[in-house]
PDB file of N, CA and C in Angstrom:
ATOM      1  N   MET A   1    -113.980   7.785 -34.279  1.00  0.00           N
ATOM      2  CA  MET A   1    -112.655   8.369 -34.718  1.00  0.00           C
ATOM      3  C   MET A   1    -111.592   7.374 -34.375  1.00  0.00           C
ATOM      4  N   ASP A   2    -111.819   6.421 -33.555  1.00  0.00           N
ATOM      5  CA  ASP A   2    -110.906   5.832 -32.824  1.00  0.00           C
ATOM      6  C   ASP A   2    -110.466   4.855 -33.341  1.00  0.00           C
ATOM      7  N   ILE A   3    -110.770   4.395 -34.529  1.00  0.00           N
ATOM      8  CA  ILE A   3    -110.393   3.179 -35.374  1.00  0.00           C
ATOM      9  C   ILE A   3    -109.236   3.789 -36.030  1.00  0.00           C
ATOM     10  N   PHE A   4    -109.282   5.400 -36.306  1.00  0.00           N
ATOM     11  CA  PHE A   4    -108.043   5.572 -37.269  1.00  0.00           C
ATOM     12  C   PHE A   4    -107.015   6.271 -36.093  1.00  0.00           C
ATOM     13  N   CYS A   5    -107.341   6.518 -34.663  1.00  0.00           N
ATOM     14  CA  CYS A   5    -106.347   6.786 -34.052  1.00  0.00           C
ATOM     15  C   CYS A   5    -105.527   5.955 -33.168  1.00  0.00           C
ATOM     16  N   ARG A   6    -106.388   4.223 -32.809  1.00  0.00           N
ATOM     17  CA  ARG A   6    -105.378   3.775 -32.216  1.00  0.00           C
ATOM     18  C   ARG A   6    -104.337   2.972 -32.814  1.00  0.00           C
ATOM     19  N   ALA A   7    -103.243   2.468 -32.258  1.00  0.00           N
ATOM     20  CA  ALA A   7    -102.289   1.694 -33.074  1.00  0.00           C
ATOM     21  C   ALA A   7    -102.955   0.257 -33.418  1.00  0.00           C
ATOM     22  N   TYR A   8    -102.385   0.052 -34.625  1.00  0.00           N
ATOM     23  CA  TYR A   8    -102.814  -1.376 -35.059  1.00  0.00           C
ATOM     24  C   TYR A   8    -101.187  -2.177 -35.369  1.00  0.00           C
ATOM     25  N   ASP A   9    -101.293  -3.297 -35.642  1.00  0.00           N
ATOM     26  CA  ASP A   9    -100.170  -4.402 -35.702  1.00  0.00           C
ATOM     27  C   ASP A   9     -99.375  -4.115 -37.329  1.00  0.00           C
ATOM     28  N   ASP A  10     -98.876  -3.438 -37.261  1.00  0.00           N
ATOM     29  CA  ASP A  10     -98.240  -3.223 -38.689  1.00  0.00           C
ATOM     30  C   ASP A  10     -96.881  -2.896 -38.457  1.00  0.00           C
ATOM     31  N   PRO A  11     -96.364  -4.457 -39.080  1.00  0.00           N
ATOM     32  CA  PRO A  11     -94.702  -4.191 -38.757  1.00  0.00           C
ATOM     33  C   PRO A  11     -93.899  -3.273 -39.308  1.00  0.00           C
ATOM     34  N   GLU A  12     -94.307  -2.624 -40.470  1.00  0.00           N
ATOM     35  CA  GLU A  12     -93.473  -1.637 -41.217  1.00  0.00           C
ATOM     36  C   GLU A  12     -93.597  -0.378 -40.787  1.00  0.00           C
ATOM     37  N   ALA A  13     -94.628  -0.037 -39.748  1.00  0.00           N
ATOM     38  CA  ALA A  13     -94.476   1.371 -38.888  1.00  0.00           C
ATOM     39  C   ALA A  13     -94.071   1.703 -37.822  1.00  0.00           C
ATOM     40  N   VAL A  14     -93.068   2.581 -37.819  1.00  0.00           N
ATOM     41  CA  VAL A  14     -92.016   3.078 -37.050  1.00  0.00           C
ATOM     42  C   VAL A  14     -92.756   4.294 -36.068  1.00  0.00           C
ATOM     43  N   VAL A  15     -93.088   4.114 -34.973  1.00  0.00           N
ATOM     44  CA  VAL A  15     -93.617   5.335 -34.359  1.00  0.00           C
ATOM     45  C   VAL A  15     -92.370   6.898 -34.474  1.00  0.00           C
ATOM     46  N   GLY A  16     -92.942   7.737 -35.058  1.00  0.00           N
ATOM     47  CA  GLY A  16     -92.191   8.934 -35.149  1.00  0.00           C
ATOM     48  C   GLY A  16     -91.266   8.770 -36.393  1.00  0.00           C
ATOM     49  N   VAL A  17     -91.765   8.011 -37.103  1.00  0.00           N
ATOM     50  CA  VAL A  17     -90.907   7.952 -38.465  1.00  0.00           C
ATOM     51  C   VAL A  17     -92.170   7.991 -39.432  1.00  0.00           C
ATOM     52  N   VAL A  18     -92.165   9.050 -40.173  1.00  0.00           N
ATOM     53  CA  VAL A  18     -93.177   8.950 -41.250  1.00  0.00           C
ATOM     54  C   VAL A  18     -92.951   8.735 -42.505  1.00  0.00           C
ATOM     55  N   PRO A  19     -93.692   7.840 -43.224  1.00  0.00           N
ATOM     56  CA  PRO A  19     -93.266   7.236 -44.833  1.00  0.00           C
ATOM     57  C   PRO A  19     -93.017   8.408 -45.358  1.00  0.00           C
ATOM     58  N   ASP A  20     -91.809   7.672 -46.254  1.00  0.00           N
ATOM     59  CA  ASP A  20     -91.780   8.635 -47.687  1.00  0.00           C
ATOM     60  C   ASP A  20     -92.743   8.710 -48.576  1.00  0.00           C
ATOM     61  N   SER A  21     -92.534   9.673 -49.905  1.00  0.00           N
ATOM     62  CA  SER A  21     -93.574   9.756 -51.003  1.00  0.00           C
ATOM     63  C   SER A  21     -93.298   8.359 -51.371  1.00  0.00           C
ATOM     64  N   THR A  22     -92.265   7.240 -51.509  1.00  0.00           N
ATOM     65  CA  THR A  22     -92.078   6.340 -52.198  1.00  0.00           C
ATOM     66  C   THR A  22     -92.858   5.147 -51.795  1.00  0.00           C
ATOM     67  N   ALA A  23     -92.891   5.436 -50.250  1.00  0.00           N
ATOM     68  CA  ALA A  23     -93.990   4.252 -49.680  1.00  0.00           C
ATOM     69  C   ALA A  23     -95.377   4.310 -49.818  1.00  0.00           C
ATOM     70  N   ILE A  24     -95.862   5.710 -49.631  1.00  0.00           N
ATOM     71  CA  ILE A  24     -96.973   5.857 -49.803  1.00  0.00           C
ATOM     72  C   ILE A  24     -97.633   5.948 -51.494  1.00  0.00           C
ATOM     73  N   TYR A  25     -96.775   5.482 -52.303  1.00  0.00           N
ATOM     74  CA  TYR A  25     -97.006   5.693 -53.646  1.00  0.00           C
ATOM     75  C   TYR A  25     -97.056   4.330 -53.883  1.00  0.00           C
ATOM     76  N   ASN A  26     -95.940   3.078 -53.594  1.00  0.00           N
ATOM     77  CA  ASN A  26     -96.276   2.217 -53.652  1.00  0.00           C
ATOM     78  C   ASN A  26     -97.377   1.479 -52.839  1.00  0.00           C
ATOM     79  N   PHE A  27     -97.665   1.795 -51.876  1.00  0.00           N
ATOM     80  CA  PHE A  27     -99.030   1.460 -51.052  1.00  0.00           C
ATOM     81  C   PHE A  27    -100.006   1.625 -51.555  1.00  0.00           C
ATOM     82  N   CYS A  28    -100.019   2.800 -52.316  1.00  0.00           N
ATOM     83  CA  CYS A  28    -101.396   2.849 -53.329  1.00  0.00           C
ATOM     84  C   CYS A  28    -101.608   2.270 -54.439  1.00  0.00           C
ATOM     85  N   LYS A  29    -100.392   2.254 -54.972  1.00  0.00           N
ATOM     86  CA  LYS A  29    -100.429   1.706 -56.674  1.00  0.00           C
ATOM     87  C   LYS A  29    -100.672   0.251 -56.326  1.00  0.00           C
ATOM     88  N   ASN A  30    -100.339  -0.468 -55.489  1.00  0.00           N
ATOM     89  CA  ASN A  30    -100.655  -1.909 -55.292  1.00  0.00           C
ATOM     90  C   ASN A  30    -102.030  -2.304 -55.032  1.00  0.00           C
ATOM     91  N   ILE A  31    -102.869  -1.250 -54.279  1.00  0.00           N
ATOM     92  CA  ILE A  31    -104.430  -1.206 -53.745  1.00  0.00           C
ATOM     93  C   ILE A  31    -104.877  -1.073 -55.196  1.00  0.00           C
ATOM     94  N   ILE A  32    -104.435  -0.047 -55.636  1.00  0.00           N
ATOM     95  CA  ILE A  32    -105.175   0.315 -57.472  1.00  0.00           C
ATOM     96  C   ILE A  32    -104.975  -0.504 -58.307  1.00  0.00           C
ATOM     97  N   ILE A  33    -103.896  -1.383 -58.271  1.00  0.00           N
ATOM     98  CA  ILE A  33    -103.486  -2.332 -59.503  1.00  0.00           C
ATOM     99  C   ILE A  33    -104.425  -3.569 -58.978  1.00  0.00           C
ATOM    100  N   LYS A  34    -104.326  -4.540 -57.782  1.00  0.00           N
ATOM    101  CA  LYS A  34    -104.565  -5.369 -57.502  1.00  0.00           C
ATOM    102  C   LYS A  34    -106.466  -5.537 -57.487  1.00  0.00           C
ATOM    103  N   THR A  35    -107.045  -4.012 -57.107  1.00  0.00           N
ATOM    104  CA  THR A  35    -108.257  -4.032 -57.452  1.00  0.00           C
ATOM    105  C   THR A  35    -109.013  -3.481 -58.542  1.00  0.00           C
ATOM    106  N   LYS A  36    -108.199  -3.022 -59.233  1.00  0.00           N
ATOM    107  CA  LYS A  36    -108.577  -2.863 -60.920  1.00  0.00           C
ATOM    108  C   LYS A  36    -109.127  -1.459 -61.165  1.00  0.00           C
ATOM    109  N   MET A  37    -108.529  -0.442 -59.639  1.00  0.00           N
ATOM    110  CA  MET A  37    -109.576   0.706 -60.293  1.00  0.00           C
ATOM    111  C   MET A  37    -108.705   1.712 -61.215  1.00  0.00           C
ATOM    112  N   GLU A  38    -109.728   2.830 -61.127  1.00  0.00           N
ATOM    113  CA  GLU A  38    -109.228   3.847 -62.519  1.00  0.00           C
ATOM    114  C   GLU A  38    -108.319   4.167 -61.722  1.00  0.00           C
ATOM    115  N   ARG A  39    -107.621   4.833 -62.711  1.00  0.00           N
ATOM    116  CA  ARG A  39    -106.389   5.941 -62.577  1.00  0.00           C
ATOM    117  C   ARG A  39    -106.778   6.893 -61.784  1.00  0.00           C
ATOM    118  N   GLU A  40    -108.007   7.882 -62.031  1.00  0.00           N
ATOM    119  CA  GLU A  40    -108.550   9.110 -61.529  1.00  0.00           C
ATOM    120  C   GLU A  40    -108.533   8.863 -59.838  1.00  0.00           C
ATOM    121  N   VAL A  41    -109.143   7.606 -59.539  1.00  0.00           N
ATOM    122  CA  VAL A  41    -109.399   7.060 -58.133  1.00  0.00           C
ATOM    123  C   VAL A  41    -108.363   8.034 -57.232  1.00  0.00           C
ATOM    124  N   ALA A  42    -107.098   7.864 -57.632  1.00  0.00           N
ATOM    125  CA  ALA A  42    -105.772   8.185 -56.576  1.00  0.00           C
ATOM    126  C   ALA A  42    -106.875   9.993 -56.336  1.00  0.00           C
ATOM    127  N   ILE A  43    -106.941  10.604 -57.329  1.00  0.00           N
ATOM    128  CA  ILE A  43    -107.127  12.031 -57.181  1.00  0.00           C
ATOM    129  C   ILE A  43    -108.494  11.888 -56.249  1.00  0.00           C
ATOM    130  N   VAL A  44    -109.619  11.573 -56.456  1.00  0.00           N
ATOM    131  CA  VAL A  44    -110.656  11.588 -55.677  1.00  0.00           C
ATOM    132  C   VAL A  44    -110.334  10.856 -54.303  1.00  0.00           C
ATOM    133  N   CYS A  45    -109.135   9.988 -54.037  1.00  0.00           N
ATOM    134  CA  CYS A  45    -109.052   9.937 -52.660  1.00  0.00           C
ATOM    135  C   CYS A  45    -108.046  10.765 -52.152  1.00  0.00           C
ATOM    136  N   LEU A  46    -107.282  11.420 -52.508  1.00  0.00           N
ATOM    137  CA  LEU A  46    -106.960  12.777 -52.361  1.00  0.00           C
ATOM    138  C   LEU A  46    -108.011  13.807 -51.573  1.00  0.00           C
ATOM    139  N   ALA A  47    -108.878  14.058 -52.397  1.00  0.00           N
ATOM    140  CA  ALA A  47    -109.919  14.978 -51.847  1.00  0.00           C
ATOM    141  C   ALA A  47    -110.771  14.682 -50.805  1.00  0.00           C
ATOM    142  N   TYR A  48    -110.780  12.888 -50.426  1.00  0.00           N
ATOM    143  CA  TYR A  48    -111.617  12.682 -49.603  1.00  0.00           C
ATOM    144  C   TYR A  48    -110.572  12.980 -48.193  1.00  0.00           C
ATOM    145  N   VAL A  49    -109.092  12.571 -48.199  1.00  0.00           N
ATOM    146  CA  VAL A  49    -108.245  12.886 -47.000  1.00  0.00           C
ATOM    147  C   VAL A  49    -108.236  13.908 -46.702  1.00  0.00           C
ATOM    148  N   GLU A  50    -108.563  15.357 -47.522  1.00  0.00           N
ATOM    149  CA  GLU A  50    -108.348  16.538 -47.275  1.00  0.00           C
ATOM    150  C   GLU A  50    -109.567  16.698 -46.576  1.00  0.00           C
ATOM    151  N   ARG A  51    -110.704  16.147 -47.329  1.00  0.00           N
ATOM    152  CA  ARG A  51    -111.794  16.628 -46.406  1.00  0.00           C
ATOM    153  C   ARG A  51    -111.789  15.953 -44.976  1.00  0.00           C
ATOM    154  N   LEU A  52    -111.451  14.868 -44.827  1.00  0.00           N
ATOM    155  CA  LEU A  52    -111.655  14.271 -43.408  1.00  0.00           C
ATOM    156  C   LEU A  52    -110.420  15.271 -42.833  1.00  0.00           C
ATOM    157  N   THR A  53    -109.155  15.546 -43.251  1.00  0.00           N
ATOM    158  CA  THR A  53    -108.722  16.503 -42.244  1.00  0.00           C
ATOM    159  C   THR A  53    -108.844  17.827 -42.115  1.00  0.00           C
ATOM    160  N   LEU A  54    -109.667  18.363 -42.975  1.00  0.00           N
ATOM    161  CA  LEU A  54    -110.407  19.996 -42.416  1.00  0.00           C
ATOM    162  C   LEU A  54    -111.620  19.941 -41.967  1.00  0.00           C
ATOM    163  N   MET A  55    -112.365  18.665 -41.690  1.00  0.00           N
ATOM    164  CA  MET A  55    -113.723  18.630 -40.902  1.00  0.00           C
ATOM    165  C   MET A  55    -113.239  18.097 -39.588  1.00  0.00           C
ATOM    166  N   THR A  56    -112.302  17.244 -39.431  1.00  0.00           N
ATOM    167  CA  THR A  56    -112.137  16.843 -38.163  1.00  0.00           C
ATOM    168  C   THR A  56    -111.067  17.406 -37.337  1.00  0.00           C
ATOM    169  N   GLY A  57    -109.807  17.850 -38.202  1.00  0.00           N
ATOM    170  CA  GLY A  57    -108.623  18.197 -37.410  1.00  0.00           C
ATOM    171  C   GLY A  57    -107.841  16.704 -37.166  1.00  0.00           C
ATOM    172  N   LEU A  58    -107.870  15.563 -37.590  1.00  0.00           N
ATOM    173  CA  LEU A  58    -107.573  14.531 -37.424  1.00  0.00           C
ATOM    174  C   LEU A  58    -106.200  14.387 -38.373  1.00  0.00           C
ATOM    175  N   ARG A  59    -104.990  14.352 -37.823  1.00  0.00           N
ATOM    176  CA  ARG A  59    -103.755  14.393 -38.291  1.00  0.00           C
ATOM    177  C   ARG A  59    -103.235  12.839 -38.731  1.00  0.00           C
ATOM    178  N   ILE A  60    -102.807  12.862 -40.109  1.00  0.00           N
ATOM    179  CA  ILE A  60    -102.335  11.846 -40.546  1.00  0.00           C
ATOM    180  C   ILE A  60    -100.811  11.489 -40.244  1.00  0.00           C
ATOM    181  N   ASN A  61    -100.695  10.126 -39.559  1.00  0.00           N
ATOM    182  CA  ASN A  61     -99.452   9.955 -39.250  1.00  0.00           C
ATOM    183  C   ASN A  61     -98.993   8.600 -39.487  1.00  0.00           C
ATOM    184  N   GLU A  62     -97.604   8.070 -38.832  1.00  0.00           N
ATOM    185  CA  GLU A  62     -97.375   6.874 -39.220  1.00  0.00           C
ATOM    186  C   GLU A  62     -98.424   5.479 -38.926  1.00  0.00           C
ATOM    187  N   VAL A  63     -98.846   5.779 -37.936  1.00  0.00           N
ATOM    188  CA  VAL A  63     -99.837   4.835 -37.432  1.00  0.00           C
ATOM    189  C   VAL A  63    -101.205   4.805 -38.583  1.00  0.00           C
ATOM    190  N   ASN A  64    -101.832   5.525 -38.767  1.00  0.00           N
ATOM    191  CA  ASN A  64    -103.202   5.670 -39.531  1.00  0.00           C
ATOM    192  C   ASN A  64    -103.160   5.968 -40.550  1.00  0.00           C
ATOM    193  N   TRP A  65    -101.918   6.469 -41.506  1.00  0.00           N
ATOM    194  CA  TRP A  65    -101.895   6.667 -42.809  1.00  0.00           C
ATOM    195  C   TRP A  65    -102.305   5.307 -43.789  1.00  0.00           C
ATOM    196  N   LYS A  66    -102.108   4.137 -43.623  1.00  0.00           N
ATOM    197  CA  LYS A  66    -102.721   2.907 -44.650  1.00  0.00           C
ATOM    198  C   LYS A  66    -103.730   2.821 -44.631  1.00  0.00           C
ATOM    199  N   ARG A  67    -104.376   2.910 -43.366  1.00  0.00           N
ATOM    200  CA  ARG A  67    -105.840   2.742 -43.089  1.00  0.00           C
ATOM    201  C   ARG A  67    -106.826   3.912 -43.552  1.00  0.00           C
ATOM    202  N   LEU A  68    -106.240   5.278 -43.710  1.00  0.00           N
ATOM    203  CA  LEU A  68    -106.724   6.034 -43.796  1.00  0.00           C
ATOM    204  C   LEU A  68    -106.555   6.426 -45.796  1.00  0.00           C
ATOM    205  N   LEU A  69    -105.795   6.180 -46.277  1.00  0.00           N
ATOM    206  CA  LEU A  69    -105.616   5.909 -47.774  1.00  0.00           C
ATOM    207  C   LEU A  69    -106.389   4.713 -48.302  1.00  0.00           C
ATOM    208  N   PHE A  70    -106.173   3.389 -47.589  1.00  0.00           N
ATOM    209  CA  PHE A  70    -107.085   2.369 -48.086  1.00  0.00           C
ATOM    210  C   PHE A  70    -108.600   2.364 -48.079  1.00  0.00           C
ATOM    211  N   ILE A  71    -109.319   3.208 -47.275  1.00  0.00           N
ATOM    212  CA  ILE A  71    -110.613   3.323 -46.817  1.00  0.00           C
ATOM    213  C   ILE A  71    -110.786   4.426 -48.092  1.00  0.00           C
ATOM    214  N   THR A  72    -110.118   5.409 -47.954  1.00  0.00           N
ATOM    215  CA  THR A  72    -110.473   6.549 -49.133  1.00  0.00           C
ATOM    216  C   THR A  72    -110.367   6.219 -50.615  1.00  0.00           C
ATOM    217  N   LEU A  73    -109.400   4.984 -50.911  1.00  0.00           N
ATOM    218  CA  LEU A  73    -109.485   4.468 -52.009  1.00  0.00           C
ATOM    219  C   LEU A  73    -110.629   3.709 -52.556  1.00  0.00           C
ATOM    220  N   ILE A  74    -110.975   2.914 -51.020  1.00  0.00           N
ATOM    221  CA  ILE A  74    -112.169   2.330 -51.640  1.00  0.00           C
ATOM    222  C   ILE A  74    -113.311   3.139 -51.893  1.00  0.00           C
ATOM    223  N   LEU A  75    -113.792   4.114 -51.134  1.00  0.00           N
ATOM    224  CA  LEU A  75    -114.913   4.934 -51.528  1.00  0.00           C
ATOM    225  C   LEU A  75    -114.660   5.682 -52.507  1.00  0.00           C
ATOM    226  N   ALA A  76    -113.795   6.127 -52.901  1.00  0.00           N
ATOM    227  CA  ALA A  76    -113.034   6.642 -54.172  1.00  0.00           C
ATOM    228  C   ALA A  76    -113.875   5.647 -55.248  1.00  0.00           C
ATOM    229  N   SER A  77    -113.358   4.642 -55.384  1.00  0.00           N
ATOM    230  CA  SER A  77    -113.633   3.439 -56.205  1.00  0.00           C
ATOM    231  C   SER A  77    -114.741   3.316 -56.278  1.00  0.00           C
ATOM    232  N   LYS A  78    -115.663   3.587 -55.522  1.00  0.00           N
ATOM    233  CA  LYS A  78    -116.934   3.253 -55.500  1.00  0.00           C
ATOM    234  C   LYS A  78    -117.939   4.410 -55.937  1.00  0.00           C
ATOM    235  N   ILE A  79    -117.483   5.384 -55.647  1.00  0.00           N
ATOM    236  CA  ILE A  79    -118.161   6.705 -56.791  1.00  0.00           C
ATOM    237  C   ILE A  79    -117.441   6.732 -57.961  1.00  0.00           C
ATOM    238  N   TRP A  80    -116.258   6.667 -58.467  1.00  0.00           N
ATOM    239  CA  TRP A  80    -115.803   6.961 -59.542  1.00  0.00           C
ATOM    240  C   TRP A  80    -116.326   5.912 -60.592  1.00  0.00           C
ATOM    241  N   ASP A  81    -115.599   4.536 -60.010  1.00  0.00           N
ATOM    242  CA  ASP A  81    -115.632   3.081 -61.150  1.00  0.00           C
ATOM    243  C   ASP A  81    -117.172   2.773 -61.129  1.00  0.00           C
ATOM    244  N   ASP A  82    -117.455   2.263 -62.567  1.00  0.00           N
ATOM    245  CA  ASP A  82    -118.597   2.040 -62.775  1.00  0.00           C
ATOM    246  C   ASP A  82    -119.035   0.543 -62.313  1.00  0.00           C
ATOM    247  N   GLU A  83    -117.756  -0.038 -62.358  1.00  0.00           N
ATOM    248  CA  GLU A  83    -117.850  -1.220 -61.625  1.00  0.00           C
ATOM    249  C   GLU A  83    -116.669  -1.533 -60.672  1.00  0.00           C
ATOM    250  N   SER A  84    -116.889  -1.093 -59.619  1.00  0.00           N
ATOM    251  CA  SER A  84    -116.300  -1.198 -58.213  1.00  0.00           C
ATOM    252  C   SER A  84    -116.108  -2.534 -57.611  1.00  0.00           C
ATOM    253  N   PHE A  85    -115.275  -2.963 -56.977  1.00  0.00           N
ATOM    254  CA  PHE A  85    -115.224  -3.987 -55.894  1.00  0.00           C
ATOM    255  C   PHE A  85    -116.184  -3.825 -54.956  1.00  0.00           C
ATOM    256  N   GLU A  86    -117.094  -4.699 -54.548  1.00  0.00           N
ATOM    257  CA  GLU A  86    -117.797  -4.662 -53.288  1.00  0.00           C
ATOM    258  C   GLU A  86    -116.903  -4.637 -51.999  1.00  0.00           C
ATOM    259  N   ASN A  87    -117.425  -4.762 -50.962  1.00  0.00           N
ATOM    260  CA  ASN A  87    -115.915  -4.546 -49.639  1.00  0.00           C
ATOM    261  C   ASN A  87    -115.631  -6.191 -49.362  1.00  0.00           C
ATOM    262  N   ILE A  88    -116.603  -7.092 -49.646  1.00  0.00           N
ATOM    263  CA  ILE A  88    -115.933  -8.479 -49.360  1.00  0.00           C
ATOM    264  C   ILE A  88    -114.921  -8.813 -50.568  1.00  0.00           C
ATOM    265  N   HIS A  89    -115.188  -8.427 -51.694  1.00  0.00           N
ATOM    266  CA  HIS A  89    -113.999  -8.386 -52.902  1.00  0.00           C
ATOM    267  C   HIS A  89    -112.575  -7.783 -52.522  1.00  0.00           C
ATOM    268  N   PHE A  90    -112.920  -6.402 -51.770  1.00  0.00           N
ATOM    269  CA  PHE A  90    -111.725  -5.495 -51.238  1.00  0.00           C
ATOM    270  C   PHE A  90    -110.987  -6.806 -50.316  1.00  0.00           C
ATOM    271  N   ALA A  91    -111.671  -7.237 -49.286  1.00  0.00           N
ATOM    272  CA  ALA A  91    -111.508  -8.252 -48.026  1.00  0.00           C
ATOM    273  C   ALA A  91    -110.452  -9.296 -48.763  1.00  0.00           C
ATOM    274  N   LYS A  92    -110.845  -9.511 -49.697  1.00  0.00           N
ATOM    275  CA  LYS A  92    -110.171 -10.783 -50.291  1.00  0.00           C
ATOM    276  C   LYS A  92    -109.034 -10.824 -51.238  1.00  0.00           C
ATOM    277  N   THR A  93    -109.032  -9.153 -51.652  1.00  0.00           N
ATOM    278  CA  THR A  93    -107.844  -8.729 -52.338  1.00  0.00           C
ATOM    279  C   THR A  93    -106.442  -8.290 -51.749  1.00  0.00           C
ATOM    280  N   ILE A  94    -107.057  -7.580 -50.756  1.00  0.00           N
ATOM    281  CA  ILE A  94    -106.081  -6.935 -49.878  1.00  0.00           C
ATOM    282  C   ILE A  94    -106.529  -7.764 -48.426  1.00  0.00           C
ATOM    283  N   PRO A  95    -106.248  -8.813 -48.137  1.00  0.00           N
ATOM    284  CA  PRO A  95    -106.224  -9.635 -46.707  1.00  0.00           C
ATOM    285  C   PRO A  95    -106.115  -8.773 -45.627  1.00  0.00           C
ATOM    286  N   LYS A  96    -105.183  -8.117 -45.623  1.00  0.00           N
ATOM    287  CA  LYS A  96    -104.409  -7.217 -44.278  1.00  0.00           C
ATOM    288  C   LYS A  96    -105.421  -7.162 -43.852  1.00  0.00           C
ATOM    289  N   TYR A  97    -106.808  -6.271 -44.362  1.00  0.00           N
ATOM    290  CA  TYR A  97    -108.280  -5.839 -43.570  1.00  0.00           C
ATOM    291  C   TYR A  97    -109.190  -6.779 -43.612  1.00  0.00           C
ATOM    292  N   SER A  98    -109.732  -6.743 -42.500  1.00  0.00           N
ATOM    293  CA  SER A  98    -111.032  -8.325 -42.594  1.00  0.00           C
ATOM    294  C   SER A  98    -112.012  -7.264 -43.578  1.00  0.00           C
ATOM    295  N   LEU A  99    -113.125  -8.240 -43.496  1.00  0.00           N
ATOM    296  CA  LEU A  99    -114.361  -7.526 -44.312  1.00  0.00           C
ATOM    297  C   LEU A  99    -114.973  -6.706 -43.476  1.00  0.00           C
ATOM    298  N   ARG A 100    -114.989  -7.214 -42.003  1.00  0.00           N
ATOM    299  CA  ARG A 100    -115.644  -6.026 -40.756  1.00  0.00           C
ATOM    300  C   ARG A 100    -114.590  -4.955 -40.785  1.00  0.00           C
ATOM    301  N   GLU A 101    -113.419  -5.074 -40.494  1.00  0.00           N
ATOM    302  CA  GLU A 101    -113.000  -3.853 -39.806  1.00  0.00           C
ATOM    303  C   GLU A 101    -112.857  -2.781 -41.352  1.00  0.00           C
ATOM    304  N   ILE A 102    -113.285  -3.092 -42.782  1.00  0.00           N
ATOM    305  CA  ILE A 102    -113.549  -2.393 -43.746  1.00  0.00           C
ATOM    306  C   ILE A 102    -114.723  -2.064 -43.509  1.00  0.00           C
ATOM    307  N   GLY A 103    -115.972  -2.588 -43.449  1.00  0.00           N
ATOM    308  CA  GLY A 103    -117.252  -2.056 -43.148  1.00  0.00           C
ATOM    309  C   GLY A 103    -116.783  -0.759 -41.712  1.00  0.00           C
ATOM    310  N   GLU A 104    -116.397  -1.237 -40.888  1.00  0.00           N
ATOM    311  CA  GLU A 104    -116.090  -0.035 -39.529  1.00  0.00           C
ATOM    312  C   GLU A 104    -115.517   1.156 -39.925  1.00  0.00           C
ATOM    313  N   MET A 105    -114.502   0.830 -40.805  1.00  0.00           N
ATOM    314  CA  MET A 105    -113.358   1.848 -41.535  1.00  0.00           C
ATOM    315  C   MET A 105    -114.572   3.142 -42.167  1.00  0.00           C
ATOM    316  N   GLU A 106    -115.250   2.375 -43.195  1.00  0.00           N
ATOM    317  CA  GLU A 106    -115.637   2.851 -44.162  1.00  0.00           C
ATOM    318  C   GLU A 106    -117.107   3.728 -43.579  1.00  0.00           C
ATOM    319  N   SER A 107    -117.706   2.766 -42.187  1.00  0.00           N
ATOM    320  CA  SER A 107    -119.017   3.942 -41.750  1.00  0.00           C
ATOM    321  C   SER A 107    -118.337   4.935 -40.782  1.00  0.00           C
ATOM    322  N   THR A 108    -117.350   5.067 -40.191  1.00  0.00           N
ATOM    323  CA  THR A 108    -116.770   5.263 -39.766  1.00  0.00           C
ATOM    324  C   THR A 108    -116.486   7.061 -40.384  1.00  0.00           C
ATOM    325  N   PHE A 109    -115.620   6.676 -41.258  1.00  0.00           N
ATOM    326  CA  PHE A 109    -114.978   7.754 -42.107  1.00  0.00           C
ATOM    327  C   PHE A 109    -116.427   8.372 -42.430  1.00  0.00           C
ATOM    328  N   LEU A 110    -117.259   7.972 -43.394  1.00  0.00           N
ATOM    329  CA  LEU A 110    -118.617   8.708 -43.852  1.00  0.00           C
ATOM    330  C   LEU A 110    -119.139   9.563 -42.698  1.00  0.00           C
ATOM    331  N   GLN A 111    -119.314   8.907 -41.462  1.00  0.00           N
ATOM    332  CA  GLN A 111    -119.669   9.313 -40.406  1.00  0.00           C
ATOM    333  C   GLN A 111    -118.871  11.087 -40.202  1.00  0.00           C
ATOM    334  N   LEU A 112    -117.211  10.781 -40.214  1.00  0.00           N
ATOM    335  CA  LEU A 112    -116.862  11.678 -39.985  1.00  0.00           C
ATOM    336  C   LEU A 112    -116.776  12.845 -41.108  1.00  0.00           C
ATOM    337  N   ILE A 113    -117.284  12.797 -42.154  1.00  0.00           N
ATOM    338  CA  ILE A 113    -117.042  13.428 -43.143  1.00  0.00           C
ATOM    339  C   ILE A 113    -118.572  14.149 -43.233  1.00  0.00           C
ATOM    340  N   ASP A 114    -119.208  13.751 -42.693  1.00  0.00           N
ATOM    341  CA  ASP A 114    -121.046  13.963 -42.621  1.00  0.00           C
ATOM    342  C   ASP A 114    -121.769  13.213 -43.856  1.00  0.00           C
ATOM    343  N   PHE A 115    -121.270  12.190 -44.569  1.00  0.00           N
ATOM    344  CA  PHE A 115    -121.391  11.364 -45.818  1.00  0.00           C
ATOM    345  C   PHE A 115    -121.166  12.281 -47.059  1.00  0.00           C
ATOM    346  N   SER A 116    -120.445  13.484 -46.798  1.00  0.00           N
ATOM    347  CA  SER A 116    -120.113  14.302 -47.920  1.00  0.00           C
ATOM    348  C   SER A 116    -119.073  13.773 -49.178  1.00  0.00           C
ATOM    349  N   LEU A 117    -119.501  12.845 -49.969  1.00  0.00           N
ATOM    350  CA  LEU A 117    -119.066  12.086 -51.036  1.00  0.00           C
ATOM    351  C   LEU A 117    -118.779  13.209 -52.295  1.00  0.00           C
ATOM    352  N   THR A 118    -119.674  14.064 -52.421  1.00  0.00           N
ATOM    353  CA  THR A 118    -119.605  14.587 -53.714  1.00  0.00           C
ATOM    354  C   THR A 118    -118.369  15.684 -53.933  1.00  0.00           C
ATOM    355  N   LEU A 119    -117.967  15.771 -54.783  1.00  0.00           N
ATOM    356  CA  LEU A 119    -116.986  16.822 -55.205  1.00  0.00           C
ATOM    357  C   LEU A 119    -117.290  17.918 -55.673  1.00  0.00           C
TER     358      LEU A 119
END
């Protein structure tokens, strides 16, 4: 779970300052548009975030929210979209996260929710 708890180099994150709904919306919208995800992926993403918090007690904060939303959007896309990107394409399209980081986040998230992806 360390990957979602430790601090990362995010110049926009300010410790103690929670992002507003506009920042969250714009972050998700940017990923969804760039990776050509279906709109419904956002709803599946929300279900995965809720599942993670209920199963682990992990708190979403100003440091980890982008990583959590990013990886849940990816997983939701892989489940929902018929033609989802693969991790290498996500890494190329959203270069903020390397292929290795995406793989690590995906693996950690799946283990934390006991691979429970069905809605």
